[in-house]
Amino acid sequence: MARAKTFSLGDAYDGILADLVRNGRFGTETEVVRAGIRMLADYEMRMQSLRQAISAADTEIEAGLGMEYGSAEAILSDVMNDDEER
């Protein structure tokens, strides 16, 4: 069983929390906090995935597997054509 947590949000965030419950968006303040933590966890997972993709791309570029484009239009064309193949 989870243990209770005690923390202070400050007046601004406490008011937002109360409004979300009062307006019926959430049933309790705990639900609001859980939703916020879920959103933060999802964001962190997306950021980690993006960092991994960037690292993999950097490794490919360092290995000489990168592709040079002559213009922004050439990049756009390549991206749009790649999207159609999926």
C-alpha atoms as a PDB file:
ATOM      1  CA  MET A   1       0.000   0.000   0.000  1.00  0.00           C
ATOM      2  CA  ALA A   2       1.274   3.439  -0.872  1.00  0.00           C
ATOM      3  CA  ARG A   3       2.131   5.696   2.003  1.00  0.00           C
ATOM      4  CA  ALA A   4       0.744   9.189   2.305  1.00  0.00           C
ATOM      5  CA  LYS A   5       2.862  12.076   1.052  1.00  0.00           C
ATOM      6  CA  THR A   6       2.876  15.580   2.428  1.00  0.00           C
ATOM      7  CA  PHE A   7       3.992  18.527   0.329  1.00  0.00           C
ATOM      8  CA  SER A   8       3.242  22.178  -0.217  1.00  0.00           C
ATOM      9  CA  LEU A   9       2.266  23.472  -3.644  1.00  0.00           C
ATOM     10  CA  GLY A  10       2.072  27.160  -2.900  1.00  0.00           C
ATOM     11  CA  ASP A  11      -0.965  29.375  -3.321  1.00  0.00           C
ATOM     12  CA  ALA A  12      -0.996  29.526  -7.133  1.00  0.00           C
ATOM     13  CA  TYR A  13      -0.839  25.766  -7.681  1.00  0.00           C
ATOM     14  CA  ASP A  14      -3.118  25.054  -4.740  1.00  0.00           C
ATOM     15  CA  GLY A  15      -5.742  27.280  -6.378  1.00  0.00           C
ATOM     16  CA  ILE A  16      -5.370  25.498  -9.720  1.00  0.00           C
ATOM     17  CA  LEU A  17      -5.735  22.140  -7.976  1.00  0.00           C
ATOM     18  CA  ALA A  18      -8.889  23.267  -6.165  1.00  0.00           C
ATOM     19  CA  ASP A  19     -10.391  24.713  -9.374  1.00  0.00           C
ATOM     20  CA  LEU A  20      -9.841  21.470 -11.280  1.00  0.00           C
ATOM     21  CA  VAL A  21     -11.726  19.546  -8.600  1.00  0.00           C
ATOM     22  CA  ARG A  22     -14.426  22.195  -8.105  1.00  0.00           C
ATOM     23  CA  ASN A  23     -15.101  22.352 -11.875  1.00  0.00           C
ATOM     24  CA  GLY A  24     -15.519  18.586 -12.031  1.00  0.00           C
ATOM     25  CA  ARG A  25     -12.467  17.858 -14.173  1.00  0.00           C
ATOM     26  CA  PHE A  26     -11.181  15.573 -11.413  1.00  0.00           C
ATOM     27  CA  GLY A  27     -12.897  13.956  -8.447  1.00  0.00           C
ATOM     28  CA  THR A  28     -10.154  14.619  -5.915  1.00  0.00           C
ATOM     29  CA  GLU A  29      -6.964  16.595  -5.555  1.00  0.00           C
ATOM     30  CA  THR A  30      -5.068  13.288  -5.465  1.00  0.00           C
ATOM     31  CA  GLU A  31      -6.383  12.485  -8.968  1.00  0.00           C
ATOM     32  CA  VAL A  32      -5.060  15.844 -10.186  1.00  0.00           C
ATOM     33  CA  VAL A  33      -1.604  15.178  -8.753  1.00  0.00           C
ATOM     34  CA  ARG A  34      -1.543  11.649 -10.208  1.00  0.00           C
ATOM     35  CA  ALA A  35      -2.514  12.993 -13.648  1.00  0.00           C
ATOM     36  CA  GLY A  36       0.261  15.566 -13.445  1.00  0.00           C
ATOM     37  CA  ILE A  37       2.824  12.942 -12.477  1.00  0.00           C
ATOM     38  CA  ARG A  38       1.644  10.677 -15.332  1.00  0.00           C
ATOM     39  CA  MET A  39       2.052  13.551 -17.789  1.00  0.00           C
ATOM     40  CA  LEU A  40       5.554  14.253 -16.473  1.00  0.00           C
ATOM     41  CA  ALA A  41       6.493  10.559 -16.696  1.00  0.00           C
ATOM     42  CA  ASP A  42       5.203  10.387 -20.298  1.00  0.00           C
ATOM     43  CA  TYR A  43       7.148  13.530 -21.184  1.00  0.00           C
ATOM     44  CA  GLU A  44      10.336  12.125 -19.654  1.00  0.00           C
ATOM     45  CA  MET A  45       9.927   8.854 -21.597  1.00  0.00           C
ATOM     46  CA  ARG A  46       9.458  10.783 -24.867  1.00  0.00           C
ATOM     47  CA  MET A  47      12.516  12.892 -24.111  1.00  0.00           C
ATOM     48  CA  GLN A  48      14.590   9.781 -23.371  1.00  0.00           C
ATOM     49  CA  SER A  49      13.452   8.214 -26.633  1.00  0.00           C
ATOM     50  CA  LEU A  50      14.321  11.390 -28.533  1.00  0.00           C
ATOM     51  CA  ARG A  51      17.759  11.554 -26.918  1.00  0.00           C
ATOM     52  CA  GLN A  52      18.389   7.936 -27.944  1.00  0.00           C
ATOM     53  CA  ALA A  53      17.318   8.658 -31.526  1.00  0.00           C
ATOM     54  CA  ILE A  54      19.593  11.699 -31.666  1.00  0.00           C
ATOM     55  CA  SER A  55      22.490   9.674 -30.280  1.00  0.00           C
ATOM     56  CA  ALA A  56      21.906   6.934 -32.873  1.00  0.00           C
ATOM     57  CA  ALA A  57      21.773   9.534 -35.657  1.00  0.00           C
ATOM     58  CA  ASP A  58      24.982  11.147 -34.398  1.00  0.00           C
ATOM     59  CA  THR A  59      26.671   7.730 -34.449  1.00  0.00           C
ATOM     60  CA  GLU A  60      25.519   7.156 -38.037  1.00  0.00           C
ATOM     61  CA  ILE A  61      26.790  10.570 -39.104  1.00  0.00           C
ATOM     62  CA  GLU A  62      30.165   9.962 -37.436  1.00  0.00           C
ATOM     63  CA  ALA A  63      30.368   6.636 -39.307  1.00  0.00           C
ATOM     64  CA  GLY A  64      29.895   8.475 -42.605  1.00  0.00           C
ATOM     65  CA  LEU A  65      26.344   7.269 -43.129  1.00  0.00           C
ATOM     66  CA  GLY A  66      24.842  10.741 -43.207  1.00  0.00           C
ATOM     67  CA  MET A  67      23.259  12.257 -46.276  1.00  0.00           C
ATOM     68  CA  GLU A  68      23.990  15.745 -47.533  1.00  0.00           C
ATOM     69  CA  TYR A  69      21.241  17.833 -49.071  1.00  0.00           C
ATOM     70  CA  GLY A  70      21.693  20.761 -51.411  1.00  0.00           C
ATOM     71  CA  SER A  71      18.613  22.633 -50.238  1.00  0.00           C
ATOM     72  CA  ALA A  72      15.748  22.691 -47.796  1.00  0.00           C
ATOM     73  CA  GLU A  73      13.438  21.627 -50.623  1.00  0.00           C
ATOM     74  CA  ALA A  74      15.500  18.468 -51.155  1.00  0.00           C
ATOM     75  CA  ILE A  75      15.195  17.590 -47.472  1.00  0.00           C
ATOM     76  CA  LEU A  76      11.465  18.235 -47.510  1.00  0.00           C
ATOM     77  CA  SER A  77      11.025  16.107 -50.620  1.00  0.00           C
ATOM     78  CA  ASP A  78      12.971  13.249 -49.049  1.00  0.00           C
ATOM     79  CA  VAL A  79      10.991  13.457 -45.815  1.00  0.00           C
ATOM     80  CA  MET A  80       7.652  13.613 -47.632  1.00  0.00           C
ATOM     81  CA  ASN A  81       8.524  10.639 -49.849  1.00  0.00           C
ATOM     82  CA  ASP A  82       9.726   8.650 -46.827  1.00  0.00           C
ATOM     83  CA  ASP A  83       6.447   9.387 -45.090  1.00  0.00           C
ATOM     84  CA  GLU A  84       4.466   7.995 -48.049  1.00  0.00           C
ATOM     85  CA  GLU A  85       6.389   4.697 -47.909  1.00  0.00           C
ATOM     86  CA  ARG A  86       5.279   3.964 -44.327  1.00  0.00           C
END
